[in-house]
Amino acid sequence: MPENRKPETRPVSPHQPAAGLIATAVIVTISLAFISLFELSTFTGWVAYCIECVIPMQIVIGITWATKHPRFAASRSQPARGVLLALITLVAGVITGTLFFYTVNGGINPPTPFLLMFIIIVVLTTFAASIMWGGWPFMSMIARPVPAGLAMLASCYLVAYVIFRVSSSYYVQDGVVPRTQVAPTLRYIAEVAKRHDVRISNIFHAGDGNLHPIILFNSHLPGELDRARAAGEDILSYCISVGGSITGEHGVGMEKNELMDKLFPASSIDYMKKFKSLFDPQNGLNPGKVLPTGRGCLEIRQAPFTRRTAV
């Protein structure tokens, strides 16, 4: 770039942030209205699976192809362009969703948590391939964007499938660390894998420090489940020690609540329990989640984590 040439900047819309806030409120309202149409079991099963199946193709169209391909759809004016691109993602979702329902899931109805986590890994892998890798090496090896993008997408499905076939069970973590600690944390995760004799595949949001190490193990072999749990706890404890947290986006739930003591002092935990008891004195709302067991005036009960409850 010549020295006297200023970099291009996008003009800031005079309608922001009001337009953004209104648009966000509309989207949230529509989403909640859509969710309310289904029973919880239906939404977390078939509905969630069908929605997740179209996301990988949406990533390819929106990020890898920048909505410029396929040409027969991208060359049209709106709304025809949007409708055709949406139909392409829908067709791709139906094809891949059906394929993996019978291969990964064995045709079990409704979709199992194993299948849902598989498609989530596909989504994360496609995000990584499209954004962090920019479609490499496919976009540089294949001249035409459409075949290159489809090859990249197929490789993401293959990577996820291989991950889920390496071991019969897996344990996904959701720790978060400051961005400056991402590299040291990845090195520590490698040490944890050696220490506990487990395989760990790393998928993460590099931009915000949100880590998703996938701990692979065979729950049918004695001791492997315990080693996987110990490895996960070591990773989350390290995240806390470098200024991070035990969750970046997925929440605490029933899995990580016993680590809350490492993240917060006892006084804070007690205040959280007292606050919950104001609205839920009978402990009927999400019992056994978020807060650790056996502390304070509010007793939280949950079924123990055993081999039968491992996915």
C-alpha atoms as a PDB file:
ATOM      1  CA  MET A   1       0.000   0.000   0.000  1.00  0.00           C
ATOM      2  CA  PRO A   2       1.464   3.458  -0.897  1.00  0.00           C
ATOM      3  CA  GLU A   3       2.465   5.548   2.103  1.00  0.00           C
ATOM      4  CA  ASN A   4       0.111   8.409   1.140  1.00  0.00           C
ATOM      5  CA  ARG A   5      -2.890   6.145   0.835  1.00  0.00           C
ATOM      6  CA  LYS A   6      -5.057   5.845   3.909  1.00  0.00           C
ATOM      7  CA  PRO A   7      -6.595   2.474   4.766  1.00  0.00           C
ATOM      8  CA  GLU A   8     -10.255   2.129   3.914  1.00  0.00           C
ATOM      9  CA  THR A   9     -12.665   2.467   6.811  1.00  0.00           C
ATOM     10  CA  ARG A  10     -16.314   1.616   6.975  1.00  0.00           C
ATOM     11  CA  PRO A  11     -18.642   4.467   7.871  1.00  0.00           C
ATOM     12  CA  VAL A  12     -20.394   4.068  11.193  1.00  0.00           C
ATOM     13  CA  SER A  13     -24.166   3.889  10.820  1.00  0.00           C
ATOM     14  CA  PRO A  14     -25.918   6.814  12.500  1.00  0.00           C
ATOM     15  CA  HIS A  15     -28.679   4.422  13.511  1.00  0.00           C
ATOM     16  CA  GLN A  16     -26.425   2.411  15.850  1.00  0.00           C
ATOM     17  CA  PRO A  17     -26.618   1.236  18.550  1.00  0.00           C
ATOM     18  CA  ALA A  18     -30.422   1.601  18.549  1.00  0.00           C
ATOM     19  CA  ALA A  19     -30.859  -0.462  15.380  1.00  0.00           C
ATOM     20  CA  GLY A  20     -28.650  -3.223  16.753  1.00  0.00           C
ATOM     21  CA  LEU A  21     -30.496  -3.349  20.069  1.00  0.00           C
ATOM     22  CA  ILE A  22     -33.890  -3.455  18.341  1.00  0.00           C
ATOM     23  CA  ALA A  23     -32.745  -6.168  15.940  1.00  0.00           C
ATOM     24  CA  THR A  24     -31.357  -8.212  18.839  1.00  0.00           C
ATOM     25  CA  ALA A  25     -34.631  -7.888  20.757  1.00  0.00           C
ATOM     26  CA  VAL A  26     -36.617  -9.003  17.697  1.00  0.00           C
ATOM     27  CA  ILE A  27     -34.380 -12.023  17.112  1.00  0.00           C
ATOM     28  CA  VAL A  28     -34.537 -13.049  20.794  1.00  0.00           C
ATOM     29  CA  THR A  29     -38.328 -12.707  20.781  1.00  0.00           C
ATOM     30  CA  ILE A  30     -38.713 -14.800  17.641  1.00  0.00           C
ATOM     31  CA  SER A  31     -36.319 -17.430  19.024  1.00  0.00           C
ATOM     32  CA  LEU A  32     -38.194 -17.722  22.311  1.00  0.00           C
ATOM     33  CA  ALA A  33     -41.511 -17.929  20.475  1.00  0.00           C
ATOM     34  CA  PHE A  34     -40.107 -20.725  18.299  1.00  0.00           C
ATOM     35  CA  ILE A  35     -38.774 -22.641  21.297  1.00  0.00           C
ATOM     36  CA  SER A  36     -42.148 -22.361  23.057  1.00  0.00           C
ATOM     37  CA  LEU A  37     -43.769 -24.390  20.269  1.00  0.00           C
ATOM     38  CA  PHE A  38     -42.064 -27.589  21.425  1.00  0.00           C
ATOM     39  CA  GLU A  39     -41.836 -29.786  24.464  1.00  0.00           C
ATOM     40  CA  LEU A  40     -38.386 -29.755  26.063  1.00  0.00           C
ATOM     41  CA  SER A  41     -37.601 -33.332  25.035  1.00  0.00           C
ATOM     42  CA  THR A  42     -38.597 -32.613  21.439  1.00  0.00           C
ATOM     43  CA  PHE A  43     -36.648 -29.379  21.212  1.00  0.00           C
ATOM     44  CA  THR A  44     -33.458 -30.820  22.729  1.00  0.00           C
ATOM     45  CA  GLY A  45     -33.761 -33.871  20.492  1.00  0.00           C
ATOM     46  CA  TRP A  46     -35.007 -33.681  16.921  1.00  0.00           C
ATOM     47  CA  VAL A  47     -35.405 -29.898  16.690  1.00  0.00           C
ATOM     48  CA  ALA A  48     -31.908 -29.141  18.004  1.00  0.00           C
ATOM     49  CA  TYR A  49     -30.374 -31.810  15.774  1.00  0.00           C
ATOM     50  CA  CYS A  50     -32.103 -30.547  12.626  1.00  0.00           C
ATOM     51  CA  ILE A  51     -31.057 -26.942  13.331  1.00  0.00           C
ATOM     52  CA  GLU A  52     -27.449 -27.944  13.995  1.00  0.00           C
ATOM     53  CA  CYS A  53     -27.272 -29.974  10.780  1.00  0.00           C
ATOM     54  CA  VAL A  54     -27.732 -26.896   8.572  1.00  0.00           C
ATOM     55  CA  ILE A  55     -25.089 -24.779  10.348  1.00  0.00           C
ATOM     56  CA  PRO A  56     -21.943 -26.272   8.693  1.00  0.00           C
ATOM     57  CA  MET A  57     -23.247 -25.468   5.212  1.00  0.00           C
ATOM     58  CA  GLN A  58     -24.271 -21.995   6.387  1.00  0.00           C
ATOM     59  CA  ILE A  59     -20.673 -21.430   7.530  1.00  0.00           C
ATOM     60  CA  VAL A  60     -19.315 -22.458   4.140  1.00  0.00           C
ATOM     61  CA  ILE A  61     -21.773 -20.239   2.230  1.00  0.00           C
ATOM     62  CA  GLY A  62     -21.448 -17.242   4.531  1.00  0.00           C
ATOM     63  CA  ILE A  63     -17.734 -17.330   5.392  1.00  0.00           C
ATOM     64  CA  THR A  64     -15.803 -19.473   2.912  1.00  0.00           C
ATOM     65  CA  TRP A  65     -17.814 -18.390  -0.141  1.00  0.00           C
ATOM     66  CA  ALA A  66     -18.829 -14.957   1.275  1.00  0.00           C
ATOM     67  CA  THR A  67     -22.337 -15.621  -0.192  1.00  0.00           C
ATOM     68  CA  LYS A  68     -20.864 -15.340  -3.719  1.00  0.00           C
ATOM     69  CA  HIS A  69     -21.373 -19.005  -4.543  1.00  0.00           C
ATOM     70  CA  PRO A  70     -23.021 -21.067  -5.929  1.00  0.00           C
ATOM     71  CA  ARG A  71     -23.424 -18.579  -8.768  1.00  0.00           C
ATOM     72  CA  PHE A  72     -26.919 -19.677  -9.808  1.00  0.00           C
ATOM     73  CA  ALA A  73     -28.151 -18.494  -6.409  1.00  0.00           C
ATOM     74  CA  ALA A  74     -25.672 -15.739  -5.512  1.00  0.00           C
ATOM     75  CA  SER A  75     -26.168 -13.911  -8.832  1.00  0.00           C
ATOM     76  CA  ARG A  76     -29.860 -13.296  -8.181  1.00  0.00           C
ATOM     77  CA  SER A  77     -31.308 -10.292  -6.417  1.00  0.00           C
ATOM     78  CA  GLN A  78     -32.979 -10.453  -3.030  1.00  0.00           C
ATOM     79  CA  PRO A  79     -35.159 -12.069  -1.807  1.00  0.00           C
ATOM     80  CA  ALA A  80     -34.607 -14.849  -4.364  1.00  0.00           C
ATOM     81  CA  ARG A  81     -30.922 -14.992  -3.479  1.00  0.00           C
ATOM     82  CA  GLY A  82     -31.578 -15.491   0.228  1.00  0.00           C
ATOM     83  CA  VAL A  83     -34.293 -18.078  -0.408  1.00  0.00           C
ATOM     84  CA  LEU A  84     -32.090 -20.152  -2.722  1.00  0.00           C
ATOM     85  CA  LEU A  85     -29.085 -20.044  -0.382  1.00  0.00           C
ATOM     86  CA  ALA A  86     -31.337 -21.048   2.517  1.00  0.00           C
ATOM     87  CA  LEU A  87     -32.696 -23.963   0.474  1.00  0.00           C
ATOM     88  CA  ILE A  88     -29.141 -25.107  -0.275  1.00  0.00           C
ATOM     89  CA  THR A  89     -28.313 -25.201   3.433  1.00  0.00           C
ATOM     90  CA  LEU A  90     -31.575 -27.040   4.094  1.00  0.00           C
ATOM     91  CA  VAL A  91     -30.877 -29.696   1.450  1.00  0.00           C
ATOM     92  CA  ALA A  92     -27.318 -30.161   2.743  1.00  0.00           C
ATOM     93  CA  GLY A  93     -28.663 -30.463   6.296  1.00  0.00           C
ATOM     94  CA  VAL A  94     -31.237 -33.098   5.300  1.00  0.00           C
ATOM     95  CA  ILE A  95     -28.653 -35.194   3.441  1.00  0.00           C
ATOM     96  CA  THR A  96     -25.946 -35.090   6.115  1.00  0.00           C
ATOM     97  CA  GLY A  97     -28.455 -35.289   8.970  1.00  0.00           C
ATOM     98  CA  THR A  98     -29.984 -38.458   7.553  1.00  0.00           C
ATOM     99  CA  LEU A  99     -26.576 -39.972   6.841  1.00  0.00           C
ATOM    100  CA  PHE A 100     -25.215 -39.420  10.346  1.00  0.00           C
ATOM    101  CA  PHE A 101     -28.487 -40.391  12.035  1.00  0.00           C
ATOM    102  CA  TYR A 102     -28.049 -43.902  10.641  1.00  0.00           C
ATOM    103  CA  THR A 103     -24.244 -44.131  10.793  1.00  0.00           C
ATOM    104  CA  VAL A 104     -23.152 -42.300  13.939  1.00  0.00           C
ATOM    105  CA  ASN A 105     -26.443 -42.759  15.798  1.00  0.00           C
ATOM    106  CA  GLY A 106     -27.297 -46.251  14.570  1.00  0.00           C
ATOM    107  CA  GLY A 107     -30.848 -45.161  13.696  1.00  0.00           C
ATOM    108  CA  ILE A 108     -31.816 -44.710  17.366  1.00  0.00           C
ATOM    109  CA  ASN A 109     -34.889 -42.503  17.771  1.00  0.00           C
ATOM    110  CA  PRO A 110     -34.847 -39.807  19.125  1.00  0.00           C
ATOM    111  CA  PRO A 111     -31.300 -38.544  18.451  1.00  0.00           C
ATOM    112  CA  THR A 112     -28.950 -39.465  21.283  1.00  0.00           C
ATOM    113  CA  PRO A 113     -26.682 -36.995  23.133  1.00  0.00           C
ATOM    114  CA  PHE A 114     -23.771 -38.711  21.376  1.00  0.00           C
ATOM    115  CA  LEU A 115     -25.173 -37.695  17.969  1.00  0.00           C
ATOM    116  CA  LEU A 116     -25.903 -34.149  19.124  1.00  0.00           C
ATOM    117  CA  MET A 117     -22.363 -33.722  20.406  1.00  0.00           C
ATOM    118  CA  PHE A 118     -21.022 -35.164  17.160  1.00  0.00           C
ATOM    119  CA  ILE A 119     -22.766 -32.518  15.068  1.00  0.00           C
ATOM    120  CA  ILE A 120     -21.624 -29.803  17.496  1.00  0.00           C
ATOM    121  CA  ILE A 121     -18.031 -30.939  16.922  1.00  0.00           C
ATOM    122  CA  VAL A 122     -18.688 -30.726  13.169  1.00  0.00           C
ATOM    123  CA  VAL A 123     -19.869 -27.127  13.622  1.00  0.00           C
ATOM    124  CA  LEU A 124     -16.795 -26.185  15.680  1.00  0.00           C
ATOM    125  CA  THR A 125     -14.468 -27.889  13.204  1.00  0.00           C
ATOM    126  CA  THR A 126     -16.095 -26.083  10.266  1.00  0.00           C
ATOM    127  CA  PHE A 127     -15.774 -22.742  12.059  1.00  0.00           C
ATOM    128  CA  ALA A 128     -12.081 -23.423  12.636  1.00  0.00           C
ATOM    129  CA  ALA A 129     -11.479 -24.502   9.028  1.00  0.00           C
ATOM    130  CA  SER A 130     -13.332 -21.495   7.605  1.00  0.00           C
ATOM    131  CA  ILE A 131     -12.143 -18.727   9.931  1.00  0.00           C
ATOM    132  CA  MET A 132      -8.789 -19.670  11.454  1.00  0.00           C
ATOM    133  CA  TRP A 133      -7.506 -21.656   8.473  1.00  0.00           C
ATOM    134  CA  GLY A 134      -9.311 -19.669   5.776  1.00  0.00           C
ATOM    135  CA  GLY A 135     -10.256 -22.843   3.933  1.00  0.00           C
ATOM    136  CA  TRP A 136      -6.620 -23.961   3.652  1.00  0.00           C
ATOM    137  CA  PRO A 137      -5.396 -26.143   2.046  1.00  0.00           C
ATOM    138  CA  PHE A 138      -8.474 -26.720  -0.106  1.00  0.00           C
ATOM    139  CA  MET A 139      -8.969 -23.119  -1.235  1.00  0.00           C
ATOM    140  CA  SER A 140      -5.349 -22.986  -2.439  1.00  0.00           C
ATOM    141  CA  MET A 141      -5.234 -26.468  -3.955  1.00  0.00           C
ATOM    142  CA  ILE A 142      -8.565 -26.347  -5.806  1.00  0.00           C
ATOM    143  CA  ALA A 143      -9.080 -23.465  -8.243  1.00  0.00           C
ATOM    144  CA  ARG A 144     -12.886 -23.397  -8.206  1.00  0.00           C
ATOM    145  CA  PRO A 145     -14.393 -22.103  -4.944  1.00  0.00           C
ATOM    146  CA  VAL A 146     -17.430 -24.403  -4.870  1.00  0.00           C
ATOM    147  CA  PRO A 147     -15.531 -27.725  -5.088  1.00  0.00           C
ATOM    148  CA  ALA A 148     -12.907 -26.331  -2.693  1.00  0.00           C
ATOM    149  CA  GLY A 149     -15.539 -25.345  -0.124  1.00  0.00           C
ATOM    150  CA  LEU A 150     -17.322 -28.686  -0.411  1.00  0.00           C
ATOM    151  CA  ALA A 151     -14.009 -30.524  -0.003  1.00  0.00           C
ATOM    152  CA  MET A 152     -13.271 -28.495   3.133  1.00  0.00           C
ATOM    153  CA  LEU A 153     -16.724 -29.286   4.519  1.00  0.00           C
ATOM    154  CA  ALA A 154     -16.328 -32.993   3.775  1.00  0.00           C
ATOM    155  CA  SER A 155     -12.980 -32.980   5.578  1.00  0.00           C
ATOM    156  CA  CYS A 156     -14.629 -31.387   8.644  1.00  0.00           C
ATOM    157  CA  TYR A 157     -17.229 -34.150   8.720  1.00  0.00           C
ATOM    158  CA  LEU A 158     -14.462 -36.728   8.348  1.00  0.00           C
ATOM    159  CA  VAL A 159     -12.370 -35.221  11.161  1.00  0.00           C
ATOM    160  CA  ALA A 160     -15.358 -35.240  13.521  1.00  0.00           C
ATOM    161  CA  TYR A 161     -16.215 -38.810  12.529  1.00  0.00           C
ATOM    162  CA  VAL A 162     -12.647 -39.973  13.173  1.00  0.00           C
ATOM    163  CA  ILE A 163     -12.639 -38.267  16.572  1.00  0.00           C
ATOM    164  CA  PHE A 164     -15.794 -40.119  17.540  1.00  0.00           C
ATOM    165  CA  ARG A 165     -14.480 -43.464  16.307  1.00  0.00           C
ATOM    166  CA  VAL A 166     -11.101 -43.278  18.048  1.00  0.00           C
ATOM    167  CA  SER A 167     -12.710 -44.030  21.417  1.00  0.00           C
ATOM    168  CA  SER A 168     -16.136 -45.230  22.410  1.00  0.00           C
ATOM    169  CA  SER A 169     -16.690 -42.309  24.818  1.00  0.00           C
ATOM    170  CA  TYR A 170     -15.651 -38.685  25.115  1.00  0.00           C
ATOM    171  CA  TYR A 171     -15.653 -35.898  27.669  1.00  0.00           C
ATOM    172  CA  VAL A 172     -15.880 -32.303  26.386  1.00  0.00           C
ATOM    173  CA  GLN A 173     -14.581 -29.486  28.563  1.00  0.00           C
ATOM    174  CA  ASP A 174     -15.467 -25.792  28.418  1.00  0.00           C
ATOM    175  CA  GLY A 175     -12.789 -23.887  30.290  1.00  0.00           C
ATOM    176  CA  VAL A 176     -11.801 -20.336  29.436  1.00  0.00           C
ATOM    177  CA  VAL A 177      -8.522 -18.478  29.953  1.00  0.00           C
ATOM    178  CA  PRO A 178      -7.181 -15.004  29.106  1.00  0.00           C
ATOM    179  CA  ARG A 179      -6.073 -14.842  25.470  1.00  0.00           C
ATOM    180  CA  THR A 180      -2.454 -14.459  26.568  1.00  0.00           C
ATOM    181  CA  GLN A 181      -2.697 -17.853  28.299  1.00  0.00           C
ATOM    182  CA  VAL A 182      -4.073 -19.886  25.373  1.00  0.00           C
ATOM    183  CA  ALA A 183      -0.695 -21.248  24.246  1.00  0.00           C
ATOM    184  CA  PRO A 184       0.533 -22.170  27.765  1.00  0.00           C
ATOM    185  CA  THR A 185      -2.814 -23.819  28.483  1.00  0.00           C
ATOM    186  CA  LEU A 186      -2.622 -25.927  25.319  1.00  0.00           C
ATOM    187  CA  ARG A 187       0.850 -27.063  26.369  1.00  0.00           C
ATOM    188  CA  TYR A 188      -0.499 -27.935  29.806  1.00  0.00           C
ATOM    189  CA  ILE A 189      -3.356 -29.933  28.240  1.00  0.00           C
ATOM    190  CA  ALA A 190      -0.758 -31.982  26.354  1.00  0.00           C
ATOM    191  CA  GLU A 191       0.991 -32.681  29.670  1.00  0.00           C
ATOM    192  CA  VAL A 192      -2.345 -33.705  31.222  1.00  0.00           C
ATOM    193  CA  ALA A 193      -2.951 -36.175  28.396  1.00  0.00           C
ATOM    194  CA  LYS A 194       0.390 -37.846  29.059  1.00  0.00           C
ATOM    195  CA  ARG A 195      -0.037 -37.802  32.831  1.00  0.00           C
ATOM    196  CA  HIS A 196      -3.452 -39.479  32.763  1.00  0.00           C
ATOM    197  CA  ASP A 197      -2.800 -41.638  29.682  1.00  0.00           C
ATOM    198  CA  VAL A 198      -5.751 -40.304  27.680  1.00  0.00           C
ATOM    199  CA  ARG A 199      -6.090 -38.836  24.185  1.00  0.00           C
ATOM    200  CA  ILE A 200      -7.203 -35.193  24.010  1.00  0.00           C
ATOM    201  CA  SER A 201      -8.299 -33.391  20.849  1.00  0.00           C
ATOM    202  CA  ASN A 202      -8.321 -29.583  21.120  1.00  0.00           C
ATOM    203  CA  ILE A 203     -11.043 -27.433  19.584  1.00  0.00           C
ATOM    204  CA  PHE A 204     -11.322 -23.865  20.821  1.00  0.00           C
ATOM    205  CA  HIS A 205     -12.279 -20.248  20.153  1.00  0.00           C
ATOM    206  CA  ALA A 206      -8.804 -18.766  19.819  1.00  0.00           C
ATOM    207  CA  GLY A 207     -10.097 -15.195  19.805  1.00  0.00           C
ATOM    208  CA  ASP A 208     -11.686 -15.274  23.253  1.00  0.00           C
ATOM    209  CA  GLY A 209      -9.748 -18.022  25.049  1.00  0.00           C
ATOM    210  CA  ASN A 210     -12.681 -20.459  25.241  1.00  0.00           C
ATOM    211  CA  LEU A 211     -11.240 -24.005  25.168  1.00  0.00           C
ATOM    212  CA  HIS A 212     -13.036 -27.240  24.289  1.00  0.00           C
ATOM    213  CA  PRO A 213     -10.580 -30.084  24.862  1.00  0.00           C
ATOM    214  CA  ILE A 214     -12.231 -33.397  23.960  1.00  0.00           C
ATOM    215  CA  ILE A 215     -10.993 -36.139  26.275  1.00  0.00           C
ATOM    216  CA  LEU A 216     -11.311 -39.507  24.515  1.00  0.00           C
ATOM    217  CA  PHE A 217     -11.599 -42.710  26.522  1.00  0.00           C
ATOM    218  CA  ASN A 218     -13.143 -46.167  26.535  1.00  0.00           C
ATOM    219  CA  SER A 219     -15.719 -46.399  29.324  1.00  0.00           C
ATOM    220  CA  HIS A 220     -15.755 -50.198  29.061  1.00  0.00           C
ATOM    221  CA  LEU A 221     -12.171 -50.452  30.295  1.00  0.00           C
ATOM    222  CA  PRO A 222     -11.665 -50.267  34.075  1.00  0.00           C
ATOM    223  CA  GLY A 223     -10.156 -47.003  35.255  1.00  0.00           C
ATOM    224  CA  GLU A 224     -10.488 -45.031  31.995  1.00  0.00           C
ATOM    225  CA  LEU A 225     -13.538 -43.062  33.109  1.00  0.00           C
ATOM    226  CA  ASP A 226     -11.770 -42.044  36.324  1.00  0.00           C
ATOM    227  CA  ARG A 227      -8.684 -40.955  34.370  1.00  0.00           C
ATOM    228  CA  ALA A 228     -10.829 -38.892  31.999  1.00  0.00           C
ATOM    229  CA  ARG A 229     -12.590 -37.169  34.901  1.00  0.00           C
ATOM    230  CA  ALA A 230      -9.267 -36.478  36.627  1.00  0.00           C
ATOM    231  CA  ALA A 231      -7.831 -35.056  33.412  1.00  0.00           C
ATOM    232  CA  GLY A 232     -10.833 -32.763  33.011  1.00  0.00           C
ATOM    233  CA  GLU A 233     -10.539 -31.504  36.576  1.00  0.00           C
ATOM    234  CA  ASP A 234      -6.809 -30.843  36.125  1.00  0.00           C
ATOM    235  CA  ILE A 235      -7.503 -28.783  33.002  1.00  0.00           C
ATOM    236  CA  LEU A 236     -10.233 -26.695  34.640  1.00  0.00           C
ATOM    237  CA  SER A 237      -8.145 -26.165  37.777  1.00  0.00           C
ATOM    238  CA  TYR A 238      -5.327 -24.871  35.603  1.00  0.00           C
ATOM    239  CA  CYS A 239      -7.746 -22.513  33.834  1.00  0.00           C
ATOM    240  CA  ILE A 240      -8.659 -21.033  37.227  1.00  0.00           C
ATOM    241  CA  SER A 241      -5.008 -20.719  38.251  1.00  0.00           C
ATOM    242  CA  VAL A 242      -4.151 -18.535  35.224  1.00  0.00           C
ATOM    243  CA  GLY A 243      -7.070 -16.174  35.718  1.00  0.00           C
ATOM    244  CA  GLY A 244      -9.750 -18.044  33.812  1.00  0.00           C
ATOM    245  CA  SER A 245     -12.944 -19.883  34.685  1.00  0.00           C
ATOM    246  CA  ILE A 246     -14.447 -23.367  34.582  1.00  0.00           C
ATOM    247  CA  THR A 247     -16.867 -22.407  31.821  1.00  0.00           C
ATOM    248  CA  GLY A 248     -16.767 -20.054  28.880  1.00  0.00           C
ATOM    249  CA  GLU A 249     -20.204 -20.621  27.370  1.00  0.00           C
ATOM    250  CA  HIS A 250     -21.752 -24.000  28.247  1.00  0.00           C
ATOM    251  CA  GLY A 251     -22.356 -23.358  31.938  1.00  0.00           C
ATOM    252  CA  VAL A 252     -21.609 -25.302  35.111  1.00  0.00           C
ATOM    253  CA  GLY A 253     -24.509 -27.736  35.281  1.00  0.00           C
ATOM    254  CA  MET A 254     -24.107 -30.944  37.285  1.00  0.00           C
ATOM    255  CA  GLU A 255     -20.674 -31.792  35.957  1.00  0.00           C
ATOM    256  CA  LYS A 256     -18.521 -28.933  37.239  1.00  0.00           C
ATOM    257  CA  ASN A 257     -20.405 -27.738  40.305  1.00  0.00           C
ATOM    258  CA  GLU A 258     -17.907 -29.337  42.689  1.00  0.00           C
ATOM    259  CA  LEU A 259     -15.220 -27.100  41.176  1.00  0.00           C
ATOM    260  CA  MET A 260     -17.103 -23.944  42.147  1.00  0.00           C
ATOM    261  CA  ASP A 261     -15.250 -24.029  45.489  1.00  0.00           C
ATOM    262  CA  LYS A 262     -11.991 -23.470  43.622  1.00  0.00           C
ATOM    263  CA  LEU A 263     -13.415 -20.529  41.693  1.00  0.00           C
ATOM    264  CA  PHE A 264     -15.306 -18.725  44.484  1.00  0.00           C
ATOM    265  CA  PRO A 265     -14.743 -18.360  48.243  1.00  0.00           C
ATOM    266  CA  ALA A 266     -17.082 -20.163  50.619  1.00  0.00           C
ATOM    267  CA  SER A 267     -18.858 -16.911  51.525  1.00  0.00           C
ATOM    268  CA  SER A 268     -19.775 -16.286  47.879  1.00  0.00           C
ATOM    269  CA  ILE A 269     -21.067 -19.850  47.454  1.00  0.00           C
ATOM    270  CA  ASP A 270     -23.246 -19.457  50.537  1.00  0.00           C
ATOM    271  CA  TYR A 271     -24.703 -16.187  49.235  1.00  0.00           C
ATOM    272  CA  MET A 272     -25.503 -17.863  45.918  1.00  0.00           C
ATOM    273  CA  LYS A 273     -27.330 -20.656  47.732  1.00  0.00           C
ATOM    274  CA  LYS A 274     -29.247 -18.236  49.933  1.00  0.00           C
ATOM    275  CA  PHE A 275     -30.245 -16.185  46.890  1.00  0.00           C
ATOM    276  CA  LYS A 276     -31.500 -19.305  45.093  1.00  0.00           C
ATOM    277  CA  SER A 277     -33.475 -20.361  48.161  1.00  0.00           C
ATOM    278  CA  LEU A 278     -35.414 -17.058  48.060  1.00  0.00           C
ATOM    279  CA  PHE A 279     -36.969 -18.061  44.738  1.00  0.00           C
ATOM    280  CA  ASP A 280     -36.752 -21.832  45.098  1.00  0.00           C
ATOM    281  CA  PRO A 281     -37.146 -22.844  48.766  1.00  0.00           C
ATOM    282  CA  GLN A 282     -38.116 -26.417  47.827  1.00  0.00           C
ATOM    283  CA  ASN A 283     -35.119 -26.835  45.488  1.00  0.00           C
ATOM    284  CA  GLY A 284     -37.328 -27.810  42.576  1.00  0.00           C
ATOM    285  CA  LEU A 285     -35.603 -25.702  39.926  1.00  0.00           C
ATOM    286  CA  ASN A 286     -32.580 -27.412  38.376  1.00  0.00           C
ATOM    287  CA  PRO A 287     -31.700 -29.410  41.507  1.00  0.00           C
ATOM    288  CA  GLY A 288     -28.084 -30.508  41.679  1.00  0.00           C
ATOM    289  CA  LYS A 289     -26.830 -27.944  39.177  1.00  0.00           C
ATOM    290  CA  VAL A 290     -24.304 -25.076  39.402  1.00  0.00           C
ATOM    291  CA  LEU A 291     -23.893 -25.043  43.189  1.00  0.00           C
ATOM    292  CA  PRO A 292     -21.661 -27.592  44.945  1.00  0.00           C
ATOM    293  CA  THR A 293     -23.238 -30.207  47.179  1.00  0.00           C
ATOM    294  CA  GLY A 294     -23.024 -30.445  50.957  1.00  0.00           C
ATOM    295  CA  ARG A 295     -22.356 -26.768  51.712  1.00  0.00           C
ATOM    296  CA  GLY A 296     -24.452 -24.097  53.435  1.00  0.00           C
ATOM    297  CA  CYS A 297     -28.096 -24.210  54.408  1.00  0.00           C
ATOM    298  CA  LEU A 298     -29.360 -25.392  51.042  1.00  0.00           C
ATOM    299  CA  GLU A 299     -28.681 -29.021  50.305  1.00  0.00           C
ATOM    300  CA  ILE A 300     -28.330 -29.873  46.629  1.00  0.00           C
ATOM    301  CA  ARG A 301     -28.815 -33.500  45.656  1.00  0.00           C
ATOM    302  CA  GLN A 302     -27.870 -35.221  42.440  1.00  0.00           C
ATOM    303  CA  ALA A 303     -27.239 -38.729  41.177  1.00  0.00           C
ATOM    304  CA  PRO A 304     -23.566 -39.707  41.337  1.00  0.00           C
ATOM    305  CA  PHE A 305     -21.570 -39.631  38.093  1.00  0.00           C
ATOM    306  CA  THR A 306     -20.988 -43.261  37.164  1.00  0.00           C
ATOM    307  CA  ARG A 307     -20.031 -45.255  34.124  1.00  0.00           C
ATOM    308  CA  ARG A 308     -23.736 -45.662  33.284  1.00  0.00           C
ATOM    309  CA  THR A 309     -24.219 -41.890  33.083  1.00  0.00           C
ATOM    310  CA  ALA A 310     -21.166 -41.317  30.845  1.00  0.00           C
ATOM    311  CA  VAL A 311     -21.953 -40.686  27.197  1.00  0.00           C
END
